[in-house]
Protein backbone atom coordinates (compact mmCIF):
# COMPACT_ATOMS: atom_id res chain seq x y z
CA MET A 1 142.54 -49.07 -55.81
CA GLY A 2 144.94 -49.24 -53.01
CA ARG A 3 146.16 -52.84 -52.01
CA GLY A 4 148.21 -52.10 -48.91
CA ARG A 5 148.13 -53.74 -45.62
CA ILE A 6 144.71 -54.61 -44.07
CA ASP A 7 143.73 -51.69 -41.84
CA ALA A 8 141.16 -51.13 -39.00
CA ARG A 9 138.61 -50.01 -41.57
CA ASP A 10 138.97 -53.13 -43.34
CA TRP A 11 138.38 -55.32 -40.02
CA ALA A 12 135.51 -53.08 -39.06
CA ILE A 13 133.47 -53.70 -42.17
CA ALA A 14 134.45 -57.26 -42.12
CA ALA A 15 133.41 -57.69 -38.36
CA GLY A 16 130.19 -55.64 -39.25
CA VAL A 17 128.98 -57.99 -42.05
CA ALA A 18 130.05 -60.96 -40.11
CA THR A 19 127.79 -59.82 -37.13
CA LEU A 20 124.91 -58.97 -39.53
CA LEU A 21 125.10 -62.51 -41.14
CA LEU A 22 125.18 -64.26 -37.38
CA VAL A 23 122.40 -62.27 -36.28
CA THR A 24 120.26 -62.94 -39.47
CA GLY A 25 121.09 -66.71 -39.31
CA LEU A 26 120.32 -66.90 -35.31
CA SER A 27 116.86 -64.95 -35.76
CA GLY A 28 115.73 -66.88 -38.99
CA GLN A 29 114.06 -70.11 -39.00
CA HIS A 30 116.21 -73.09 -39.99
CA PRO A 31 116.00 -76.82 -39.40
CA ALA A 32 117.29 -77.63 -36.01
CA THR A 33 120.10 -80.37 -36.91
CA ASP A 34 123.54 -81.23 -36.24
CA LEU A 35 124.56 -79.08 -39.12
CA ASP A 36 123.84 -75.84 -37.07
CA LEU A 37 127.54 -75.37 -36.09
CA LEU A 38 128.75 -76.12 -39.49
CA GLY A 39 126.33 -73.17 -40.73
CA TYR A 40 127.64 -70.75 -38.16
CA VAL A 41 131.31 -71.32 -39.47
CA PRO A 42 130.68 -70.03 -42.94
CA LEU A 43 128.42 -67.24 -41.55
CA THR A 44 131.51 -66.08 -39.74
CA VAL A 45 134.26 -66.71 -42.12
CA GLY A 46 132.51 -65.15 -44.95
CA GLY A 47 132.04 -62.17 -43.22
CA LEU A 48 135.54 -61.84 -41.84
CA ALA A 49 137.24 -62.83 -45.06
CA LEU A 50 135.96 -59.27 -46.42
CA ALA A 51 139.02 -57.79 -44.47
CA ALA A 52 141.26 -59.00 -47.48
CA ARG A 53 138.96 -57.72 -50.11
CA ARG A 54 141.42 -54.94 -51.05
CA ARG A 55 144.60 -57.08 -51.13
CA ALA A 56 143.20 -60.32 -52.58
CA PRO A 57 140.04 -59.56 -54.12
CA VAL A 58 139.68 -62.71 -56.27
CA PRO A 59 140.41 -65.17 -53.42
CA VAL A 60 137.82 -63.25 -50.93
CA LEU A 61 135.26 -63.71 -54.06
CA VAL A 62 135.86 -67.54 -54.11
CA VAL A 63 135.83 -67.72 -50.02
CA THR A 64 132.56 -65.89 -49.53
CA GLY A 65 130.95 -67.77 -52.44
CA LEU A 66 131.81 -71.10 -50.93
CA CYS A 67 130.79 -69.86 -47.56
CA ALA A 68 127.48 -68.62 -48.88
CA LEU A 69 126.84 -72.20 -50.44
CA GLY A 70 127.93 -73.70 -47.26
CA TYR A 71 125.35 -72.02 -44.82
CA GLN A 72 122.45 -72.19 -47.42
CA ALA A 73 123.51 -76.27 -47.53
CA ALA A 74 123.46 -76.20 -43.67
CA GLY A 75 119.75 -74.71 -43.68
CA PHE A 76 120.43 -71.11 -42.99
CA ASP A 77 118.11 -68.83 -45.03
CA VAL A 78 120.60 -65.90 -45.14
CA PRO A 79 121.31 -63.62 -47.97
CA ALA A 80 124.63 -63.70 -49.68
CA VAL A 81 125.72 -60.06 -48.37
CA ALA A 82 129.47 -61.00 -47.89
CA TYR A 83 129.58 -62.25 -51.60
CA LEU A 84 127.93 -58.87 -52.87
CA PHE A 85 130.69 -56.98 -51.10
CA ALA A 86 133.16 -59.27 -52.48
CA VAL A 87 131.63 -58.86 -56.27
CA TYR A 88 131.96 -54.94 -55.70
CA ALA A 89 135.71 -55.17 -54.50
CA ALA A 90 136.51 -57.80 -57.44
CA VAL A 91 134.85 -55.39 -60.18
CA ARG A 92 136.49 -52.18 -58.54
CA ALA A 93 139.87 -54.05 -59.00
CA GLY A 94 139.26 -54.83 -62.44
CA HIS A 95 138.58 -58.44 -62.40
CA ARG A 96 135.28 -58.41 -64.38
CA THR A 97 135.50 -61.64 -66.29
CA ILE A 98 136.18 -63.81 -63.17
CA THR A 99 133.67 -62.23 -61.28
CA VAL A 100 130.77 -62.77 -63.98
CA ALA A 101 132.04 -66.42 -64.23
CA ALA A 102 131.89 -66.89 -60.44
CA SER A 103 128.39 -65.15 -60.15
CA VAL A 104 127.13 -67.50 -62.80
CA ALA A 105 128.41 -70.33 -61.01
CA MET A 106 126.79 -69.10 -57.78
CA LEU A 107 123.39 -68.43 -59.33
CA ALA A 108 123.31 -71.93 -60.52
CA ALA A 109 124.67 -73.49 -57.20
CA LEU A 110 122.75 -71.51 -54.67
CA PRO A 111 119.25 -73.07 -55.41
CA LEU A 112 120.78 -76.58 -55.26
CA ALA A 113 122.24 -75.93 -52.04
CA ALA A 114 118.85 -74.59 -50.78
CA LEU A 115 116.95 -77.48 -52.04
CA ALA A 116 119.43 -79.79 -50.57
CA SER A 117 118.73 -78.44 -46.93
CA GLY A 118 115.07 -78.24 -47.64
CA LEU A 119 114.85 -74.37 -48.02
CA HIS A 120 112.48 -72.73 -50.79
CA ASP A 121 110.30 -75.66 -51.24
CA THR A 122 107.39 -73.34 -51.16
CA GLY A 123 106.66 -73.32 -55.03
CA GLU A 124 108.20 -72.52 -58.28
CA ALA A 125 106.72 -68.84 -58.34
CA PHE A 126 108.91 -68.15 -54.92
CA ALA A 127 112.06 -69.45 -56.42
CA ARG A 128 111.88 -67.62 -59.78
CA SER A 129 111.18 -64.24 -57.63
CA ARG A 130 113.95 -64.91 -55.44
CA GLY A 131 116.31 -65.86 -58.25
CA ALA A 132 115.65 -62.51 -59.87
CA LEU A 133 116.24 -60.65 -57.03
CA GLU A 134 119.48 -62.22 -56.47
CA ILE A 135 120.52 -61.53 -60.04
CA ALA A 136 119.33 -57.89 -59.70
CA TRP A 137 121.66 -57.52 -56.49
CA LEU A 138 124.67 -59.11 -58.19
CA ILE A 139 124.06 -56.59 -61.03
CA ALA A 140 123.90 -53.59 -58.83
CA ALA A 141 127.11 -54.61 -56.87
CA GLY A 142 128.95 -55.33 -60.01
CA ALA A 143 127.78 -51.96 -61.50
CA ALA A 144 128.64 -50.07 -58.32
CA GLY A 145 132.28 -51.71 -58.57
CA GLU A 146 132.66 -50.71 -62.03
CA ALA A 147 131.59 -46.98 -61.83
CA VAL A 148 133.96 -46.52 -58.83
CA ARG A 149 136.68 -48.04 -61.04
CA GLN A 150 136.00 -45.78 -63.92
CA ALA A 151 135.76 -42.83 -61.77
CA GLU A 152 139.39 -43.59 -59.93
CA ARG A 153 140.64 -44.35 -63.50
CA ARG A 154 139.52 -41.04 -64.63
CA ALA A 155 140.80 -39.22 -61.43
CA ASP A 156 144.16 -40.81 -61.91
CA GLU A 157 144.50 -39.86 -65.66
CA ALA A 158 143.47 -36.19 -64.75
CA GLU A 159 146.14 -36.25 -61.93
CA ARG A 160 148.78 -37.55 -64.32
CA THR A 161 147.66 -34.80 -66.87
CA ARG A 162 147.98 -31.97 -64.33
CA GLU A 163 151.49 -33.28 -63.53
CA GLU A 164 152.71 -33.72 -67.20
CA THR A 165 151.01 -30.15 -67.96
CA ALA A 166 153.01 -28.57 -64.99
CA ARG A 167 156.28 -30.38 -65.88
CA ARG A 168 156.02 -29.27 -69.41
CA ARG A 169 155.45 -25.69 -68.34
CA ALA A 170 158.36 -25.74 -66.09
CA ASN A 171 160.60 -26.84 -68.77
CA GLU A 172 159.36 -24.29 -71.31
CA GLU A 173 159.77 -21.64 -68.39
CA ARG A 174 163.20 -22.91 -67.91
CA LEU A 175 164.22 -23.01 -71.53
CA ARG A 176 162.78 -19.39 -71.96
CA ILE A 177 164.93 -17.95 -69.18
CA ALA A 178 167.93 -19.83 -70.25
CA ARG A 179 167.51 -18.28 -73.87
CA GLU A 180 166.96 -14.91 -72.42
CA LEU A 181 169.95 -15.22 -70.18
CA HIS A 182 172.07 -16.32 -73.06
CA ASP A 183 170.96 -13.55 -75.17
CA SER A 184 171.67 -10.73 -72.65
CA LEU A 185 174.82 -12.40 -71.21
CA THR A 186 176.17 -13.11 -74.80
CA HIS A 187 175.78 -9.59 -75.83
CA GLN A 188 177.37 -8.02 -72.93
CA ILE A 189 180.22 -10.73 -73.08
CA SER A 190 180.58 -10.17 -76.62
CA ILE A 191 181.11 -6.38 -76.15
CA ILE A 192 183.89 -7.10 -73.44
CA LYS A 193 185.59 -9.70 -75.65
CA VAL A 194 185.52 -7.44 -78.56
CA GLN A 195 186.97 -4.45 -76.64
CA ALA A 196 189.76 -6.74 -75.11
CA GLU A 197 190.74 -8.10 -78.49
CA VAL A 198 190.94 -4.58 -79.87
CA ALA A 199 193.11 -3.30 -77.00
CA VAL A 200 195.42 -6.38 -77.58
CA HIS A 201 195.56 -5.80 -81.23
CA VAL A 202 196.35 -2.12 -80.74
CA ALA A 203 198.90 -2.83 -78.20
CA ARG A 204 200.78 -5.18 -80.31
CA ARG A 205 200.82 -3.02 -83.24
CA ARG A 206 202.42 -0.18 -81.28
CA GLY A 207 205.00 -2.82 -80.08
CA GLU A 208 203.73 -2.30 -76.44
CA GLN A 209 203.84 -5.22 -73.96
CA VAL A 210 200.30 -6.53 -73.55
CA PRO A 211 199.21 -6.50 -69.93
CA GLU A 212 198.64 -10.01 -68.49
CA ALA A 213 195.22 -8.84 -67.18
CA LEU A 214 194.09 -7.72 -70.33
CA LEU A 215 195.02 -11.28 -71.91
CA ALA A 216 193.17 -13.06 -69.16
CA ILE A 217 189.89 -10.82 -69.97
CA GLN A 218 190.26 -11.76 -73.76
CA GLU A 219 190.60 -15.64 -72.80
CA ALA A 220 187.89 -15.31 -70.08
CA GLY A 221 185.45 -13.85 -72.75
CA ARG A 222 186.04 -16.44 -75.09
CA GLU A 223 185.68 -19.21 -72.47
CA ALA A 224 182.34 -17.56 -71.21
CA THR A 225 180.95 -17.31 -74.70
CA ARG A 226 181.86 -21.02 -75.21
CA GLU A 227 180.05 -22.02 -71.95
CA LEU A 228 177.07 -20.16 -72.60
CA ARG A 229 176.59 -21.77 -75.94
CA ALA A 230 177.07 -25.19 -74.38
CA THR A 231 174.76 -24.58 -71.72
CA LEU A 232 171.82 -23.27 -74.16
CA GLU A 233 172.59 -26.56 -76.20
CA ALA A 234 172.29 -28.77 -72.94
CA LEU A 235 169.08 -26.99 -72.01
CA ARG A 236 167.59 -27.17 -75.44
CA ASP A 237 165.36 -30.10 -75.40
CA ASP A 238 162.10 -29.16 -77.59
CA ASP A 239 161.41 -29.69 -80.97
CA THR A 240 163.85 -27.19 -82.49
CA ALA A 241 166.65 -29.70 -81.54
CA PRO A 242 166.47 -33.34 -82.41
CA PRO A 243 166.90 -35.57 -79.37
CA ARG A 244 170.26 -36.94 -78.61
CA GLY A 245 170.88 -40.68 -77.03
CA LEU A 246 172.77 -43.55 -76.64
CA ASP A 247 173.23 -43.72 -80.34
CA HIS A 248 174.86 -40.44 -80.48
CA VAL A 249 177.45 -41.22 -77.75
CA PRO A 250 180.25 -42.16 -80.42
CA GLU A 251 179.96 -38.58 -81.67
CA LEU A 252 180.76 -37.29 -78.48
CA VAL A 253 183.75 -39.67 -78.17
CA GLN A 254 185.18 -38.75 -81.50
CA ARG A 255 184.60 -35.01 -80.71
CA ALA A 256 186.67 -35.65 -77.63
CA ARG A 257 189.33 -37.24 -79.65
CA THR A 258 189.57 -34.31 -81.96
CA ILE A 259 190.50 -31.71 -79.28
CA GLY A 260 193.40 -34.27 -78.17
CA LEU A 261 191.77 -36.27 -75.45
CA ASP A 262 192.56 -39.91 -76.09
CA THR A 263 188.96 -41.41 -75.21
CA THR A 264 187.96 -44.98 -75.76
CA LEU A 265 184.18 -46.26 -75.81
CA THR A 266 183.15 -49.65 -74.77
CA ILE A 267 179.40 -50.77 -75.00
CA GLU A 268 178.56 -54.13 -73.45
CA GLY A 269 175.45 -56.36 -73.15
CA ASP A 270 172.56 -56.61 -75.45
CA ARG A 271 171.22 -53.43 -76.49
CA HIS A 272 167.43 -53.09 -75.84
CA ASP A 273 164.87 -50.40 -75.92
CA VAL A 274 164.98 -47.99 -73.25
CA PRO A 275 162.86 -45.24 -71.99
CA ALA A 276 163.50 -41.95 -73.78
CA ALA A 277 164.12 -40.25 -70.88
CA VAL A 278 166.90 -42.43 -69.66
CA ASP A 279 168.29 -42.59 -73.32
CA ARG A 280 168.71 -38.73 -73.28
CA THR A 281 170.32 -38.80 -69.72
CA VAL A 282 172.81 -41.22 -70.98
CA TYR A 283 173.88 -38.82 -73.48
CA ARG A 284 173.88 -35.84 -71.25
CA ILE A 285 176.06 -37.77 -68.56
CA VAL A 286 178.58 -38.69 -71.14
CA GLN A 287 178.44 -35.08 -72.70
CA GLU A 288 178.99 -33.54 -69.37
CA SER A 289 181.72 -35.75 -68.26
CA LEU A 290 183.87 -35.32 -71.20
CA THR A 291 183.27 -31.70 -71.26
CA ASN A 292 184.51 -31.45 -67.72
CA ILE A 293 187.56 -33.60 -68.49
CA ALA A 294 188.48 -31.49 -71.39
CA ARG A 295 188.09 -28.26 -69.31
CA HIS A 296 189.28 -28.89 -65.93
CA ALA A 297 190.90 -32.34 -65.60
CA ASP A 298 194.21 -31.64 -67.36
CA ALA A 299 193.88 -35.45 -68.50
CA ALA A 300 195.59 -37.31 -71.55
CA THR A 301 193.14 -40.17 -71.57
CA ALA A 302 189.41 -41.13 -70.68
CA SER A 303 187.52 -44.02 -71.18
CA VAL A 304 183.51 -44.28 -71.55
CA ARG A 305 181.80 -47.66 -70.67
CA ILE A 306 178.38 -48.49 -71.00
CA ASP A 307 176.74 -51.77 -69.75
CA CYS A 308 173.27 -52.71 -70.90
CA ARG A 309 171.65 -54.99 -68.59
CA PRO A 310 168.33 -56.16 -68.62
CA ASP A 311 167.14 -54.11 -65.67
CA VAL A 312 169.94 -51.40 -65.35
CA LEU A 313 171.85 -49.40 -67.63
CA ALA A 314 175.21 -48.45 -66.12
CA ILE A 315 177.54 -45.90 -67.30
CA ARG A 316 181.35 -45.11 -66.13
CA ILE A 317 183.41 -42.34 -67.34
CA ASP A 318 187.06 -42.41 -66.05
CA ASP A 319 190.01 -40.14 -66.53
CA ASP A 320 193.58 -39.92 -65.57
CA GLY A 321 193.58 -36.17 -64.69
CA LYS A 322 194.89 -34.20 -61.69
CA ALA A 323 192.08 -35.08 -59.32
CA ALA A 324 193.76 -36.57 -56.10
CA PRO A 325 192.49 -39.61 -54.05
CA GLY A 326 190.50 -38.23 -51.14
CA ALA A 327 189.77 -34.62 -52.45
CA ALA A 328 186.08 -33.64 -52.46
CA PRO A 329 184.64 -32.90 -55.80
CA THR A 330 183.66 -29.35 -56.51
CA PRO A 331 179.79 -29.45 -56.94
CA GLY A 332 179.68 -27.47 -60.15
CA VAL A 333 176.34 -26.79 -62.27
CA GLY A 334 177.05 -29.76 -64.56
CA LEU A 335 177.63 -32.40 -61.65
CA LEU A 336 174.47 -31.01 -60.05
CA GLY A 337 172.50 -31.33 -63.12
CA MET A 338 173.61 -34.90 -63.62
CA ARG A 339 172.76 -35.72 -60.17
CA GLU A 340 169.23 -34.19 -60.50
CA ARG A 341 168.69 -36.08 -63.92
CA VAL A 342 169.65 -39.52 -62.34
CA THR A 343 167.78 -39.01 -59.17
CA ALA A 344 164.46 -38.09 -61.08
CA LEU A 345 164.83 -41.37 -62.89
CA GLY A 346 165.21 -43.40 -59.66
CA GLY A 347 168.92 -44.00 -60.30
CA ARG A 348 172.24 -43.69 -58.54
CA LEU A 349 175.25 -41.19 -59.38
CA ARG A 350 178.62 -41.32 -57.99
CA ALA A 351 181.24 -38.75 -58.95
CA GLU A 352 184.81 -38.83 -57.05
CA PRO A 353 188.38 -38.99 -57.44
CA ARG A 354 189.74 -42.49 -58.30
CA SER A 355 192.38 -44.20 -55.74
CA GLU A 356 194.87 -44.48 -58.83
CA GLY A 357 194.44 -40.95 -59.61
CA GLY A 358 191.99 -39.15 -61.85
CA PHE A 359 188.32 -38.87 -61.56
CA THR A 360 185.30 -41.09 -62.00
CA VAL A 361 181.61 -40.66 -62.88
CA GLN A 362 179.48 -43.71 -62.38
CA ALA A 363 175.61 -43.92 -62.88
CA GLU A 364 172.85 -46.59 -62.76
CA LEU A 365 169.62 -46.07 -64.42
CA PRO A 366 166.72 -48.37 -64.24
CA VAL A 367 165.35 -49.15 -67.65
CA ASP A 368 162.07 -50.45 -66.33
CA GLN A 369 160.01 -47.44 -66.33
CA THR A 370 156.65 -49.16 -66.13
CA SER A 371 156.25 -49.16 -62.25
């Protein structure tokens, strides 16, 4: 149930209940005493307090209950209508135990307040019937609040299920398209690569000079094949491939070292459980960053730094490559993919040249995913 600011509808309901209580109190019979004014105050306050029933259901429950006792003690024989609204709101918000305890106390205190003011002294049978009616109304208000709460909970669960199903289907479709593209393009590129390699081999056997364009085609075919395989590897996030996360980052660093990139890894802070989505995103950011450094940065060294904080997991990857300060980074597919992953988790990403030369990728991922 929403607990935002108090809106016009809340005030309208509260004013309506307060008016109903005042009219009932003025039209009913009650002892003409100096306590009249003290009775009008709780009648008004009890009704107006309902304006905050969604924002603070438990305090409103207490206030309306005390006001009902107050105007009963002042001699006003007015039903505790505001308290019934408060019971409904409190149960709807999930405060069932507190509501039951408060209602039991109210049922015990209301007869005492009425007797103290001289009300309901017409007989034991009348007192019993009135008590039974009050219990019935309280049960009805609580049951209505619980029914609405359960309906809202089921609606929320249904909405989450629909969103998860849609997300899963979208991921499956994206993976299917990626596989089809991989199979189709790999086949065509493989043909080009093989033909280029055969042409290069034949030219060298004949002692002829191999054209630079042919060598470029051969190398481009090899590079395209590697990139297609890397793309499918990054997109494959289903049961056929084990999930990769923070524990597997050292493997990425070691792999970068084997291809000649002097890479260091620093992990600071207390390692704590992080959501699976954050864990996978850390791996993907480091993987994509080191891949870009190896392919495009012309760098000799790189550093990976991961800071595990209580509420945020911070990642920073630096290199000493050829990126110049002030140059705008080219928004490639890998960088866009990283940004999408980080944004989807409510985090922040910076990717830009460093002032001292080279490139930096910095990301902050919130680890509290309960909200």
